[in-house]
Amino acid sequence: MLGLSLTPATVSALHAYADLVRSTNTAFNLVSRQDIDRLETRHILDCLAMVAFLKSAQWPPDSHEERRRILDIGSGAGLPGIVIAIACPELEVTLVDRSARKHRFLQRAVSTLQLANVATKCHDVVAQGIEGEFEIITSRAVAPVAQMWIWLVSHLVDRGMFIHMSFTAAGPSCESPVLTGGSTCLVPLEIPGLAERHWLTVVRKESSHV
């Protein structure tokens, strides 16, 4: 599936995560009522496709596997951040959401699923910024790529990547934006069970070294 080889423990954890989202969705307002019935196909497989891209991507040259850091902006229900953390336990994942209610869910999910590689923050990145630098920053249709790049570029290491799940179908608007300090490409994703392709916009931060 998606070119990923998932262990039984990983598959079990993903099922437990889906069960947790379903059982607490009303209390935490995580996904729409329409989408809760297609959580696996519309959301989890979608995020696993991003995981497949991460596993095949060229990481920054100074990145070491034991300390690779991912920042997930606007994590909400943990999509894609918790899915990435479950599928890639070797990564350090920081989940950020400005909603106190969603942050409480993220804390519950991390505790319930015993995700030792995850930190959570209730934080407004636009108003307050964010500390630290990361090899990868992810988001799932939080805001337009160009606007998010302005907020986030200073928090990427040289040659780090901003990965934005942007489109559900190709069309006139499905174009690579021109961004200062970054080189951009579009990556198509085929999602099992969905008729339309999804697209990642991937922005690689240009090196500051001459």
N, C-alpha and C. Protein backbone atom coordinates (compact mmCIF):
# COMPACT_ATOMS: atom_id res chain seq x y z
N MET A 1 0.84 -1.20 0.00
CA MET A 1 0.00 0.00 0.00
C MET A 1 0.87 1.25 0.00
N LEU A 2 0.73 2.09 -1.02
CA LEU A 2 1.46 3.34 -1.12
C LEU A 2 2.98 3.15 -1.15
N GLY A 3 3.43 1.90 -1.36
CA GLY A 3 4.86 1.64 -1.35
C GLY A 3 5.45 1.60 0.04
N LEU A 4 4.61 1.57 1.08
CA LEU A 4 5.08 1.53 2.46
C LEU A 4 5.03 0.10 2.99
N SER A 5 6.00 -0.23 3.80
CA SER A 5 6.00 -1.50 4.51
C SER A 5 5.76 -1.20 5.98
N LEU A 6 4.53 -1.41 6.43
CA LEU A 6 4.14 -1.08 7.80
C LEU A 6 4.13 -2.34 8.66
N THR A 7 4.71 -2.24 9.84
CA THR A 7 4.73 -3.37 10.76
C THR A 7 3.33 -3.58 11.35
N PRO A 8 3.04 -4.79 11.85
CA PRO A 8 1.76 -5.01 12.51
C PRO A 8 1.52 -4.03 13.66
N ALA A 9 2.59 -3.70 14.40
CA ALA A 9 2.43 -2.74 15.51
C ALA A 9 2.03 -1.37 15.00
N THR A 10 2.59 -0.96 13.86
CA THR A 10 2.24 0.34 13.28
C THR A 10 0.79 0.35 12.81
N VAL A 11 0.37 -0.71 12.14
CA VAL A 11 -1.01 -0.81 11.67
C VAL A 11 -1.97 -0.78 12.86
N SER A 12 -1.62 -1.50 13.92
CA SER A 12 -2.45 -1.52 15.13
C SER A 12 -2.56 -0.13 15.74
N ALA A 13 -1.44 0.60 15.78
CA ALA A 13 -1.45 1.96 16.34
C ALA A 13 -2.30 2.90 15.49
N LEU A 14 -2.26 2.74 14.18
CA LEU A 14 -3.08 3.58 13.30
C LEU A 14 -4.56 3.30 13.52
N HIS A 15 -4.92 2.02 13.71
CA HIS A 15 -6.31 1.68 14.01
C HIS A 15 -6.73 2.28 15.36
N ALA A 16 -5.84 2.21 16.34
CA ALA A 16 -6.15 2.78 17.65
C ALA A 16 -6.33 4.29 17.56
N TYR A 17 -5.52 4.93 16.73
CA TYR A 17 -5.65 6.37 16.52
C TYR A 17 -7.01 6.69 15.87
N ALA A 18 -7.38 5.93 14.84
CA ALA A 18 -8.67 6.16 14.19
C ALA A 18 -9.82 5.97 15.17
N ASP A 19 -9.73 4.94 16.01
CA ASP A 19 -10.77 4.71 17.01
C ASP A 19 -10.87 5.89 17.99
N LEU A 20 -9.71 6.44 18.37
CA LEU A 20 -9.70 7.57 19.30
C LEU A 20 -10.35 8.80 18.67
N VAL A 21 -10.03 9.07 17.41
CA VAL A 21 -10.64 10.20 16.72
C VAL A 21 -12.16 10.03 16.68
N ARG A 22 -12.61 8.84 16.31
CA ARG A 22 -14.06 8.61 16.22
C ARG A 22 -14.76 8.77 17.57
N SER A 23 -14.13 8.23 18.61
CA SER A 23 -14.80 8.23 19.92
C SER A 23 -14.82 9.60 20.57
N THR A 24 -13.94 10.50 20.15
CA THR A 24 -13.87 11.81 20.79
C THR A 24 -14.18 12.96 19.82
N ASN A 25 -14.62 12.62 18.61
CA ASN A 25 -14.78 13.65 17.59
C ASN A 25 -15.79 14.72 18.00
N THR A 26 -16.92 14.31 18.57
CA THR A 26 -17.94 15.29 18.96
C THR A 26 -17.42 16.23 20.03
N ALA A 27 -16.71 15.69 21.01
CA ALA A 27 -16.22 16.51 22.12
C ALA A 27 -15.16 17.50 21.68
N PHE A 28 -14.32 17.10 20.71
CA PHE A 28 -13.18 17.94 20.33
C PHE A 28 -13.34 18.62 18.97
N ASN A 29 -14.44 18.31 18.24
CA ASN A 29 -14.70 18.95 16.94
C ASN A 29 -13.48 18.80 16.02
N LEU A 30 -13.10 17.54 15.74
CA LEU A 30 -11.85 17.25 15.03
C LEU A 30 -12.02 17.25 13.52
N VAL A 31 -12.97 16.48 13.02
CA VAL A 31 -13.24 16.43 11.57
C VAL A 31 -14.75 16.54 11.37
N SER A 32 -15.16 16.84 10.15
CA SER A 32 -16.59 17.02 9.88
C SER A 32 -17.36 15.71 10.05
N ARG A 33 -18.64 15.83 10.30
CA ARG A 33 -19.49 14.64 10.47
C ARG A 33 -19.47 13.79 9.21
N GLN A 34 -19.40 14.44 8.05
CA GLN A 34 -19.35 13.72 6.78
C GLN A 34 -18.06 12.92 6.67
N ASP A 35 -16.95 13.50 7.12
CA ASP A 35 -15.66 12.86 6.94
C ASP A 35 -15.37 11.78 7.98
N ILE A 36 -16.06 11.77 9.10
CA ILE A 36 -15.76 10.79 10.14
C ILE A 36 -16.03 9.37 9.64
N ASP A 37 -16.98 9.22 8.70
CA ASP A 37 -17.29 7.89 8.17
C ASP A 37 -16.28 7.44 7.11
N ARG A 38 -15.45 8.35 6.64
CA ARG A 38 -14.42 7.98 5.67
C ARG A 38 -13.05 8.45 6.17
N LEU A 39 -12.86 8.28 7.47
CA LEU A 39 -11.65 8.76 8.11
C LEU A 39 -10.41 8.11 7.52
N GLU A 40 -10.46 6.80 7.32
CA GLU A 40 -9.27 6.10 6.80
C GLU A 40 -8.93 6.55 5.38
N THR A 41 -9.91 6.56 4.48
CA THR A 41 -9.61 6.86 3.08
C THR A 41 -9.36 8.35 2.86
N ARG A 42 -10.15 9.19 3.50
CA ARG A 42 -10.06 10.63 3.23
C ARG A 42 -8.92 11.30 3.99
N HIS A 43 -8.54 10.74 5.15
CA HIS A 43 -7.57 11.42 5.99
C HIS A 43 -6.31 10.60 6.28
N ILE A 44 -6.47 9.39 6.81
CA ILE A 44 -5.28 8.64 7.24
C ILE A 44 -4.46 8.17 6.06
N LEU A 45 -5.10 7.60 5.02
CA LEU A 45 -4.33 7.20 3.84
C LEU A 45 -3.70 8.41 3.17
N ASP A 46 -4.41 9.51 3.17
CA ASP A 46 -3.89 10.77 2.64
C ASP A 46 -2.55 11.11 3.32
N CYS A 47 -2.54 11.02 4.64
CA CYS A 47 -1.32 11.35 5.39
C CYS A 47 -0.24 10.29 5.22
N LEU A 48 -0.64 9.03 5.08
CA LEU A 48 0.35 7.98 4.81
C LEU A 48 1.03 8.19 3.47
N ALA A 49 0.32 8.78 2.52
CA ALA A 49 0.96 9.11 1.24
C ALA A 49 2.06 10.14 1.44
N MET A 50 1.84 11.09 2.37
CA MET A 50 2.89 12.04 2.70
C MET A 50 4.06 11.32 3.37
N VAL A 51 3.77 10.34 4.21
CA VAL A 51 4.82 9.54 4.84
C VAL A 51 5.66 8.85 3.77
N ALA A 52 5.01 8.28 2.77
CA ALA A 52 5.74 7.61 1.70
C ALA A 52 6.68 8.58 1.00
N PHE A 53 6.21 9.82 0.78
CA PHE A 53 7.09 10.82 0.18
C PHE A 53 8.26 11.13 1.10
N LEU A 54 8.00 11.29 2.40
CA LEU A 54 9.07 11.59 3.35
C LEU A 54 10.15 10.52 3.34
N LYS A 55 9.74 9.27 3.28
CA LYS A 55 10.70 8.18 3.32
C LYS A 55 11.57 8.12 2.07
N SER A 56 11.06 8.68 0.98
CA SER A 56 11.83 8.66 -0.27
C SER A 56 12.55 9.98 -0.54
N ALA A 57 12.29 10.99 0.29
CA ALA A 57 12.81 12.34 0.03
C ALA A 57 14.30 12.45 0.37
N GLN A 58 14.94 13.41 -0.25
CA GLN A 58 16.33 13.72 0.06
C GLN A 58 16.34 14.73 1.21
N TRP A 59 16.78 14.27 2.37
CA TRP A 59 16.81 15.13 3.54
C TRP A 59 17.99 16.09 3.47
N PRO A 60 17.97 17.17 4.26
CA PRO A 60 19.10 18.09 4.27
C PRO A 60 20.41 17.35 4.53
N PRO A 61 21.50 17.77 3.87
CA PRO A 61 22.76 17.01 3.94
C PRO A 61 23.32 16.87 5.35
N ASP A 62 23.06 17.82 6.25
CA ASP A 62 23.60 17.75 7.61
C ASP A 62 22.66 17.03 8.57
N SER A 63 21.56 16.48 8.05
CA SER A 63 20.57 15.83 8.90
C SER A 63 21.02 14.42 9.26
N HIS A 64 20.88 14.08 10.54
CA HIS A 64 21.18 12.73 11.00
C HIS A 64 19.88 12.07 11.43
N GLU A 65 19.71 10.81 11.06
CA GLU A 65 18.42 10.14 11.24
C GLU A 65 17.94 10.16 12.68
N GLU A 66 18.87 10.08 13.64
CA GLU A 66 18.44 9.99 15.03
C GLU A 66 17.93 11.32 15.58
N ARG A 67 18.09 12.42 14.85
CA ARG A 67 17.62 13.70 15.37
C ARG A 67 16.84 14.50 14.33
N ARG A 68 16.31 13.84 13.34
CA ARG A 68 15.52 14.55 12.34
C ARG A 68 14.24 15.09 12.98
N ARG A 69 13.99 16.38 12.77
CA ARG A 69 12.90 17.06 13.45
C ARG A 69 11.85 17.54 12.46
N ILE A 70 10.60 17.24 12.79
CA ILE A 70 9.46 17.66 11.97
C ILE A 70 8.54 18.53 12.82
N LEU A 71 8.12 19.65 12.23
CA LEU A 71 7.14 20.53 12.85
C LEU A 71 5.87 20.46 12.02
N ASP A 72 4.75 20.11 12.66
CA ASP A 72 3.46 20.04 11.98
C ASP A 72 2.60 21.20 12.44
N ILE A 73 2.28 22.11 11.52
CA ILE A 73 1.55 23.33 11.83
C ILE A 73 0.06 23.12 11.62
N GLY A 74 -0.75 23.56 12.59
CA GLY A 74 -2.19 23.39 12.48
C GLY A 74 -2.59 21.93 12.53
N SER A 75 -2.04 21.20 13.50
CA SER A 75 -2.19 19.74 13.54
C SER A 75 -3.64 19.30 13.68
N GLY A 76 -4.47 20.06 14.39
CA GLY A 76 -5.88 19.71 14.52
C GLY A 76 -6.08 18.35 15.15
N ALA A 77 -6.56 17.40 14.37
CA ALA A 77 -6.78 16.04 14.84
C ALA A 77 -5.50 15.20 14.81
N GLY A 78 -4.39 15.84 14.44
CA GLY A 78 -3.13 15.10 14.32
C GLY A 78 -2.84 14.65 12.91
N LEU A 79 -3.40 15.36 11.95
CA LEU A 79 -3.24 15.03 10.53
C LEU A 79 -2.45 16.12 9.83
N PRO A 80 -1.24 15.84 9.39
CA PRO A 80 -0.60 14.52 9.30
C PRO A 80 0.32 14.15 10.46
N GLY A 81 0.49 15.03 11.46
CA GLY A 81 1.58 14.86 12.42
C GLY A 81 1.57 13.56 13.19
N ILE A 82 0.40 13.16 13.72
CA ILE A 82 0.36 11.92 14.48
C ILE A 82 0.56 10.71 13.58
N VAL A 83 0.01 10.75 12.39
CA VAL A 83 0.22 9.65 11.44
C VAL A 83 1.71 9.51 11.12
N ILE A 84 2.40 10.64 10.91
CA ILE A 84 3.84 10.60 10.65
C ILE A 84 4.58 10.02 11.85
N ALA A 85 4.20 10.45 13.05
CA ALA A 85 4.89 9.98 14.26
C ALA A 85 4.70 8.48 14.47
N ILE A 86 3.51 7.96 14.17
CA ILE A 86 3.26 6.52 14.31
C ILE A 86 4.07 5.74 13.29
N ALA A 87 4.07 6.21 12.05
CA ALA A 87 4.74 5.47 10.97
C ALA A 87 6.25 5.65 10.98
N CYS A 88 6.74 6.72 11.62
CA CYS A 88 8.17 7.03 11.62
C CYS A 88 8.64 7.31 13.05
N PRO A 89 8.74 6.30 13.88
CA PRO A 89 9.10 6.52 15.29
C PRO A 89 10.51 7.07 15.48
N GLU A 90 11.33 7.01 14.42
CA GLU A 90 12.69 7.55 14.51
C GLU A 90 12.73 9.07 14.40
N LEU A 91 11.63 9.70 14.05
CA LEU A 91 11.57 11.14 13.87
C LEU A 91 11.08 11.82 15.14
N GLU A 92 11.57 13.04 15.39
CA GLU A 92 11.07 13.87 16.47
C GLU A 92 10.00 14.80 15.88
N VAL A 93 8.77 14.66 16.35
CA VAL A 93 7.64 15.38 15.76
C VAL A 93 7.06 16.35 16.79
N THR A 94 6.92 17.61 16.38
CA THR A 94 6.28 18.62 17.22
C THR A 94 4.96 19.02 16.58
N LEU A 95 3.88 18.86 17.32
CA LEU A 95 2.54 19.19 16.84
C LEU A 95 2.12 20.55 17.41
N VAL A 96 1.69 21.45 16.54
CA VAL A 96 1.30 22.79 16.98
C VAL A 96 -0.11 23.10 16.49
N ASP A 97 -0.95 23.54 17.41
CA ASP A 97 -2.28 24.03 17.04
C ASP A 97 -2.65 25.17 17.98
N ARG A 98 -3.30 26.19 17.46
CA ARG A 98 -3.64 27.34 18.30
C ARG A 98 -4.93 27.13 19.10
N SER A 99 -5.70 26.09 18.75
CA SER A 99 -6.95 25.79 19.45
C SER A 99 -6.66 25.01 20.73
N ALA A 100 -7.08 25.53 21.87
CA ALA A 100 -6.87 24.83 23.13
C ALA A 100 -7.59 23.49 23.14
N ARG A 101 -8.78 23.44 22.54
CA ARG A 101 -9.54 22.19 22.52
C ARG A 101 -8.80 21.12 21.72
N LYS A 102 -8.33 21.49 20.53
CA LYS A 102 -7.61 20.51 19.71
C LYS A 102 -6.28 20.12 20.35
N HIS A 103 -5.65 21.08 21.03
CA HIS A 103 -4.40 20.75 21.72
C HIS A 103 -4.65 19.72 22.82
N ARG A 104 -5.77 19.83 23.51
CA ARG A 104 -6.10 18.84 24.52
C ARG A 104 -6.27 17.46 23.89
N PHE A 105 -6.88 17.41 22.71
CA PHE A 105 -6.98 16.12 22.03
C PHE A 105 -5.60 15.59 21.66
N LEU A 106 -4.74 16.44 21.14
CA LEU A 106 -3.40 15.99 20.77
C LEU A 106 -2.66 15.42 21.98
N GLN A 107 -2.78 16.08 23.12
CA GLN A 107 -2.15 15.57 24.34
C GLN A 107 -2.72 14.20 24.71
N ARG A 108 -4.05 14.06 24.60
CA ARG A 108 -4.68 12.78 24.92
C ARG A 108 -4.19 11.70 23.96
N ALA A 109 -4.11 12.02 22.69
CA ALA A 109 -3.67 11.04 21.69
C ALA A 109 -2.24 10.59 21.95
N VAL A 110 -1.37 11.54 22.24
CA VAL A 110 0.04 11.21 22.51
C VAL A 110 0.14 10.30 23.72
N SER A 111 -0.63 10.58 24.75
CA SER A 111 -0.62 9.77 25.97
C SER A 111 -1.22 8.39 25.73
N THR A 112 -2.38 8.35 25.07
CA THR A 112 -3.08 7.09 24.84
C THR A 112 -2.26 6.16 23.95
N LEU A 113 -1.66 6.72 22.91
CA LEU A 113 -0.90 5.92 21.95
C LEU A 113 0.55 5.72 22.36
N GLN A 114 0.94 6.35 23.49
CA GLN A 114 2.30 6.23 24.02
C GLN A 114 3.35 6.60 22.97
N LEU A 115 3.19 7.79 22.41
CA LEU A 115 4.09 8.27 21.36
C LEU A 115 5.24 9.05 22.01
N ALA A 116 6.34 8.36 22.23
CA ALA A 116 7.48 8.96 22.92
C ALA A 116 8.22 9.97 22.07
N ASN A 117 7.97 9.98 20.77
CA ASN A 117 8.69 10.87 19.86
C ASN A 117 7.92 12.14 19.52
N VAL A 118 6.90 12.48 20.32
CA VAL A 118 6.02 13.60 19.99
C VAL A 118 5.97 14.61 21.12
N ALA A 119 6.05 15.90 20.75
CA ALA A 119 5.79 17.01 21.67
C ALA A 119 4.61 17.80 21.11
N THR A 120 3.83 18.43 21.98
CA THR A 120 2.69 19.23 21.52
C THR A 120 2.79 20.65 22.07
N LYS A 121 2.26 21.61 21.30
CA LYS A 121 2.23 23.00 21.74
C LYS A 121 0.91 23.62 21.35
N CYS A 122 0.29 24.34 22.29
CA CYS A 122 -0.86 25.18 21.98
C CYS A 122 -0.31 26.56 21.70
N HIS A 123 -0.31 26.96 20.43
CA HIS A 123 0.51 28.10 20.04
C HIS A 123 -0.01 28.68 18.73
N ASP A 124 -0.01 29.99 18.62
CA ASP A 124 -0.37 30.68 17.39
C ASP A 124 0.92 31.11 16.70
N VAL A 125 1.31 30.36 15.68
CA VAL A 125 2.58 30.61 14.99
C VAL A 125 2.60 31.99 14.34
N VAL A 126 1.45 32.41 13.79
CA VAL A 126 1.40 33.71 13.11
C VAL A 126 1.64 34.85 14.09
N ALA A 127 0.98 34.80 15.23
CA ALA A 127 1.09 35.90 16.20
C ALA A 127 2.36 35.84 17.03
N GLN A 128 2.84 34.62 17.32
CA GLN A 128 3.92 34.47 18.29
C GLN A 128 5.21 33.88 17.73
N GLY A 129 5.18 33.41 16.49
CA GLY A 129 6.36 32.74 15.95
C GLY A 129 6.52 31.37 16.59
N ILE A 130 7.66 30.75 16.35
CA ILE A 130 7.94 29.43 16.91
C ILE A 130 9.44 29.31 17.13
N GLU A 131 9.84 28.64 18.18
CA GLU A 131 11.26 28.49 18.47
C GLU A 131 11.84 27.28 17.75
N GLY A 132 13.13 27.40 17.39
CA GLY A 132 13.84 26.25 16.86
C GLY A 132 13.88 26.19 15.34
N GLU A 133 14.69 25.26 14.85
CA GLU A 133 14.80 24.99 13.43
C GLU A 133 14.48 23.52 13.19
N PHE A 134 13.93 23.24 12.01
CA PHE A 134 13.46 21.91 11.70
C PHE A 134 13.91 21.51 10.30
N GLU A 135 14.10 20.20 10.12
CA GLU A 135 14.43 19.69 8.79
C GLU A 135 13.21 19.70 7.88
N ILE A 136 12.04 19.43 8.47
CA ILE A 136 10.79 19.38 7.72
C ILE A 136 9.72 20.13 8.49
N ILE A 137 8.93 20.92 7.77
CA ILE A 137 7.70 21.50 8.31
C ILE A 137 6.55 21.05 7.43
N THR A 138 5.48 20.55 8.05
CA THR A 138 4.34 20.07 7.29
C THR A 138 3.08 20.85 7.64
N SER A 139 2.14 20.84 6.71
CA SER A 139 0.81 21.39 6.98
C SER A 139 -0.16 20.76 6.01
N ARG A 140 -1.41 20.82 6.37
CA ARG A 140 -2.45 20.21 5.53
C ARG A 140 -3.54 21.25 5.29
N ALA A 141 -3.30 22.05 4.27
CA ALA A 141 -4.28 23.05 3.82
C ALA A 141 -4.66 24.02 4.94
N VAL A 142 -3.68 24.47 5.72
CA VAL A 142 -3.94 25.44 6.79
C VAL A 142 -4.14 26.83 6.22
N ALA A 143 -3.28 27.23 5.30
CA ALA A 143 -3.31 28.55 4.67
C ALA A 143 -2.56 28.43 3.35
N PRO A 144 -2.67 29.42 2.45
CA PRO A 144 -1.94 29.34 1.18
C PRO A 144 -0.44 29.18 1.39
N VAL A 145 0.18 28.44 0.49
CA VAL A 145 1.61 28.13 0.60
C VAL A 145 2.45 29.40 0.71
N ALA A 146 2.19 30.37 -0.14
CA ALA A 146 3.01 31.58 -0.15
C ALA A 146 2.98 32.30 1.19
N GLN A 147 1.80 32.35 1.82
CA GLN A 147 1.70 33.01 3.11
C GLN A 147 2.41 32.21 4.19
N MET A 148 2.25 30.91 4.18
CA MET A 148 2.89 30.07 5.19
C MET A 148 4.42 30.10 5.05
N TRP A 149 4.89 30.20 3.83
CA TRP A 149 6.34 30.25 3.60
C TRP A 149 6.94 31.47 4.30
N ILE A 150 6.27 32.60 4.24
CA ILE A 150 6.75 33.80 4.92
C ILE A 150 6.85 33.56 6.42
N TRP A 151 5.85 32.89 6.99
CA TRP A 151 5.86 32.63 8.42
C TRP A 151 6.94 31.64 8.84
N LEU A 152 7.25 30.67 7.97
CA LEU A 152 7.98 29.49 8.41
C LEU A 152 9.41 29.37 7.88
N VAL A 153 9.77 30.10 6.84
CA VAL A 153 11.06 29.87 6.19
C VAL A 153 12.23 30.01 7.16
N SER A 154 12.14 30.94 8.11
CA SER A 154 13.26 31.15 9.04
C SER A 154 13.42 29.99 10.03
N HIS A 155 12.44 29.09 10.08
CA HIS A 155 12.50 27.97 11.01
C HIS A 155 12.90 26.66 10.34
N LEU A 156 13.30 26.76 9.07
CA LEU A 156 13.84 25.61 8.36
C LEU A 156 15.36 25.69 8.31
N VAL A 157 16.02 24.54 8.46
CA VAL A 157 17.46 24.49 8.23
C VAL A 157 17.73 24.65 6.74
N ASP A 158 18.97 24.97 6.38
CA ASP A 158 19.33 25.03 4.96
C ASP A 158 19.00 23.70 4.28
N ARG A 159 18.36 23.78 3.14
CA ARG A 159 17.92 22.64 2.35
C ARG A 159 16.78 21.87 3.01
N GLY A 160 16.22 22.43 4.08
CA GLY A 160 15.04 21.83 4.69
C GLY A 160 13.82 22.02 3.80
N MET A 161 12.74 21.29 4.10
CA MET A 161 11.57 21.29 3.24
C MET A 161 10.31 21.70 3.98
N PHE A 162 9.50 22.51 3.33
CA PHE A 162 8.14 22.78 3.75
C PHE A 162 7.24 21.95 2.84
N ILE A 163 6.44 21.06 3.43
CA ILE A 163 5.57 20.16 2.66
C ILE A 163 4.12 20.50 2.99
N HIS A 164 3.39 20.93 1.97
CA HIS A 164 2.04 21.44 2.14
C HIS A 164 1.09 20.60 1.30
N MET A 165 0.12 19.95 1.93
CA MET A 165 -0.88 19.20 1.18
C MET A 165 -1.88 20.20 0.63
N SER A 166 -1.82 20.42 -0.68
CA SER A 166 -2.42 21.61 -1.26
C SER A 166 -3.67 21.38 -2.09
N PHE A 167 -3.67 20.35 -2.93
CA PHE A 167 -4.73 20.22 -3.92
C PHE A 167 -5.32 18.81 -3.89
N THR A 168 -6.59 18.71 -4.29
CA THR A 168 -7.21 17.40 -4.45
C THR A 168 -7.40 17.05 -5.92
N ALA A 169 -7.05 17.94 -6.82
CA ALA A 169 -7.12 17.65 -8.25
C ALA A 169 -6.27 18.65 -9.00
N ALA A 170 -5.73 18.22 -10.11
CA ALA A 170 -4.95 19.14 -10.94
C ALA A 170 -5.90 20.10 -11.65
N GLY A 171 -5.44 21.31 -11.88
CA GLY A 171 -6.25 22.29 -12.56
C GLY A 171 -5.45 23.54 -12.82
N PRO A 172 -6.08 24.61 -13.33
CA PRO A 172 -5.35 25.83 -13.63
C PRO A 172 -4.61 26.41 -12.44
N SER A 173 -5.16 26.19 -11.21
CA SER A 173 -4.52 26.77 -10.03
C SER A 173 -3.42 25.88 -9.47
N CYS A 174 -3.27 24.69 -10.04
CA CYS A 174 -2.30 23.72 -9.53
C CYS A 174 -0.94 24.02 -10.16
N GLU A 175 -0.31 25.08 -9.68
CA GLU A 175 0.97 25.53 -10.22
C GLU A 175 1.95 25.75 -9.08
N SER A 176 3.23 25.62 -9.39
CA SER A 176 4.26 25.85 -8.39
C SER A 176 4.43 27.34 -8.16
N PRO A 177 4.21 27.83 -6.94
CA PRO A 177 4.40 29.26 -6.68
C PRO A 177 5.88 29.62 -6.67
N VAL A 178 6.17 30.85 -7.03
CA VAL A 178 7.55 31.35 -6.96
C VAL A 178 7.74 31.99 -5.60
N LEU A 179 8.64 31.46 -4.80
CA LEU A 179 8.81 31.91 -3.42
C LEU A 179 10.25 32.33 -3.18
N THR A 180 10.43 33.46 -2.51
CA THR A 180 11.76 33.97 -2.21
C THR A 180 12.48 33.02 -1.26
N GLY A 181 13.68 32.61 -1.66
CA GLY A 181 14.49 31.76 -0.79
C GLY A 181 14.14 30.29 -0.84
N GLY A 182 13.27 29.90 -1.78
CA GLY A 182 12.88 28.50 -1.86
C GLY A 182 12.66 28.05 -3.30
N SER A 183 12.92 26.78 -3.55
CA SER A 183 12.63 26.18 -4.86
C SER A 183 11.46 25.22 -4.67
N THR A 184 10.48 25.30 -5.56
CA THR A 184 9.19 24.65 -5.36
C THR A 184 8.93 23.61 -6.44
N CYS A 185 8.31 22.50 -6.02
CA CYS A 185 7.82 21.53 -6.98
C CYS A 185 6.50 20.94 -6.49
N LEU A 186 5.73 20.39 -7.40
CA LEU A 186 4.49 19.71 -7.06
C LEU A 186 4.68 18.21 -7.17
N VAL A 187 4.16 17.48 -6.20
CA VAL A 187 4.30 16.03 -6.17
C VAL A 187 2.91 15.41 -6.17
N PRO A 188 2.56 14.63 -7.22
CA PRO A 188 1.23 13.99 -7.24
C PRO A 188 1.20 12.76 -6.35
N LEU A 189 0.07 12.55 -5.68
CA LEU A 189 -0.13 11.38 -4.83
C LEU A 189 -1.37 10.62 -5.29
N GLU A 190 -1.21 9.33 -5.46
CA GLU A 190 -2.36 8.48 -5.76
C GLU A 190 -2.83 7.87 -4.44
N ILE A 191 -4.07 8.14 -4.03
CA ILE A 191 -4.59 7.68 -2.76
C ILE A 191 -5.56 6.52 -3.00
N PRO A 192 -5.27 5.33 -2.47
CA PRO A 192 -6.20 4.21 -2.65
C PRO A 192 -7.60 4.56 -2.15
N GLY A 193 -8.59 4.27 -2.97
CA GLY A 193 -9.97 4.52 -2.57
C GLY A 193 -10.49 5.89 -2.96
N LEU A 194 -9.61 6.76 -3.47
CA LEU A 194 -10.04 8.09 -3.90
C LEU A 194 -9.82 8.24 -5.40
N ALA A 195 -10.81 8.81 -6.07
CA ALA A 195 -10.73 8.93 -7.52
C ALA A 195 -9.74 10.00 -7.96
N GLU A 196 -9.67 11.09 -7.19
CA GLU A 196 -8.84 12.22 -7.59
C GLU A 196 -7.45 12.13 -6.98
N ARG A 197 -6.48 12.57 -7.75
CA ARG A 197 -5.13 12.72 -7.20
C ARG A 197 -5.10 13.81 -6.15
N HIS A 198 -4.21 13.63 -5.19
CA HIS A 198 -3.88 14.73 -4.28
C HIS A 198 -2.48 15.21 -4.62
N TRP A 199 -2.18 16.43 -4.22
CA TRP A 199 -0.90 17.03 -4.58
C TRP A 199 -0.22 17.63 -3.35
N LEU A 200 1.07 17.39 -3.27
CA LEU A 200 1.90 18.08 -2.30
C LEU A 200 2.62 19.23 -2.98
N THR A 201 2.65 20.39 -2.34
CA THR A 201 3.56 21.45 -2.74
C THR A 201 4.77 21.35 -1.82
N VAL A 202 5.93 21.13 -2.40
CA VAL A 202 7.17 20.93 -1.63
C VAL A 202 8.10 22.09 -1.94
N VAL A 203 8.47 22.82 -0.87
CA VAL A 203 9.37 23.97 -1.03
C VAL A 203 10.67 23.67 -0.30
N ARG A 204 11.75 23.64 -1.05
CA ARG A 204 13.08 23.37 -0.47
C ARG A 204 13.77 24.72 -0.21
N LYS A 205 14.17 24.93 1.05
CA LYS A 205 14.86 26.18 1.40
C LYS A 205 16.24 26.22 0.76
N GLU A 206 16.52 27.31 0.06
CA GLU A 206 17.83 27.45 -0.57
C GLU A 206 18.91 27.68 0.48
N SER A 207 20.08 27.15 0.22
CA SER A 207 21.17 27.26 1.17
C SER A 207 21.63 28.71 1.32
N SER A 208 21.93 29.08 2.54
CA SER A 208 22.47 30.44 2.80
C SER A 208 23.97 30.50 2.56
N HIS A 209 24.60 29.33 2.34
CA HIS A 209 26.05 29.29 2.12
C HIS A 209 26.35 29.45 0.64
N VAL A 210 27.36 30.21 0.35
CA VAL A 210 27.77 30.44 -1.03
C VAL A 210 28.66 29.27 -1.48
